[in-house]
């Protein structure tokens, strides 16, 4: 009979960002453990509050499935004599396995016929299975930072106070540190702090709810969503959408209750982003906006208890936010007393990286990179690009950004507008940080795009050049995201830029700073971008074999490389694709190594090779226009016309002729053919 399994780990308050990854990791470990142990189970539900992590597994089998184990003994030839009687080897094996010689069986294996013994093993109880692994699984739950408490050697995100582990109504024994599992849980820390027994797993969620704990994350999320919306509606406003803040607040309260507060209207004179950040970052307040999306002088906070007097709670929070907003106003006013241009000099005192120099040195490097790119794709905007690059880091030394680091770029744009800088310069100061996450918004203008790429490329190349290469677990400078940002900007802005050339330019700018050899750094960065591009394109739905085939020979310019991938993916759906690829693969397989000599027409003796050479010459001429127009589908269509003469050539001509001059000439002809196809891809990598 199947039973539900409940595991609740009760702790001190766990940081909100730790909870979801921990729930997912433990769910995966529990599922794998049960599956590996042949214990059938149903769905796994995860729940949590700041003080507890919970896993509920439905329909867990009470014991393992029974199974038969085969134990292999000596070969048949050694186990039985010519008369079929067991030898000493067989008798010894039977004795060792506790069976009679009559129970020995002969089975065919990959190594021949062997004697085997089949044993039926009954399944052990799931309680015993879980009891033996729970402590190790708890220890293996990953957290960004773990801690020890007391004199214990075990670690966890926060000290553990209780563990509930039940299979049905039976306690699964487990000890972690100084805590032993049982069926005792606890309610809300303030409103129902006492212990209670979990007598029925089906009643667990309701039992907690009665004790002012909403353990279901979705239920708690919806409760907060509805309550904060109702608070905003009372002020004739709506909540500014902020799913990230909602996700965080959900994990900060066991029994959330929303309360609305207000602040003085004169603070609305501050930039909207400053107000939102002051409320969000430090206090986790939801901002209230009017129908036009403008901030209203109200906020909504979420309490962790029922509120007897909302006004008292509101006033307390109003005092806190007033101090925060007053600080923000002070910094904002003070910042305007020094221009962005004058602040650039202060960047000489800000260390970007111990080996790569100050923020001012970095600015000079990526400014040169941005100007170099502007020369190629937007020469008329070069002065604007130069000005934006010069000013874009100046707000890092302002008081507002020092207090609210997430406002970097935002404040630079605001101060640039106040100083009547060109609108494109002001916007680029903000946009050069984009995209801020995978799939995030890109710079809207060319100026911001070029400054963004210059900044990111300098960081990527610089970090690789001093040995700070991303690993599977660490990427402190977000180099993967920055590389992907460069790729996306080039592709979506259709910029005809050579990535390999830009990497070399970045290396030149870093001369004297790097600890790794330039050539080694260049190749490592190029390979890094190629892998990022590969993952990006496959993630967008491009066939992996097509992506791999094109990237085997092409990377630059990126826009042309992706155009080739798109065309080849389209061509792959046509009937002519498979026979053409089969023919090209035959060419490549015969070649093994390309022959670097021109085809000698005087050595073309058979009509089939003469015809092929003629078709090849005509095709090469006719490919010029579609190649110039980046019409790679047209290129493929024209190349497909070579299939018939190539096949005829293989039918009529012996490529590897005994006459070495004829052999070399025919291999040169095939090398010429392969070269035409390699203008698009390595066709040998395509999957039929």
Foldseek 3Di string as FASTA:
>chain_A
DFFKKKKKWFFAFFALVFQPLLLVQLLVVVVVLCVVLQWDWADWDWWAARGMTMIMTHGTHFWHAKDKDKDWFAACPQQADPVRHGDPRLCVVCVVVVHHSVQWDWDQDPVGITIIHMDIGHTDGVLVSCLVCVQVSQQPRDGPDWDDDDPWPGIDSGDTDEMEIDGFQDGRWHDHTNYTYDQWDAEDVPQTGDIDGDRGPVCVQVVRVVRQFRGHLVVLLVVVQVQQQVQLVVVQWGWDDDVPLSSSVSRHARRKHKAKAFEDPVLLVDPPVLLCLLCCVPPSWTFTAHPVRRTDRMIMHIDRDDDPDSVVVRVVVRVVSHVSSVQLVVLLVVQLVDALLRLLVVQQVAAPDPLQHTPNLLLVLLLVLLLVLCVQFPVVCSVLLNLLSSRLQSCCPGPSCVVVVVCRLVVSLVRCVVVVHDNSSSLLSNQLCPPVFVVRDHRPDPSNLSSNLSSLLLVLLQCLQAPNDDDPVDDPVPNLGSLLNNLCSCQVVVRQDFPLVSNVSSVVSSPPRGDHDSVVSSVVSVVSSLVSVLVVVVVVPQDNLLSQFQSVQDPHPPNLSVLLSVLVSVVCPDPLVVLLLVLLLVLCVVLVDAQPDAADQVLPDDPLVNVLVVLLVVLVVVVVVCVVVSVNNVNVVSLSVSSVSSVVCVVPDDLCDPPVVSNSNSSNSSSSNNVSVSVRTNSNSDDD
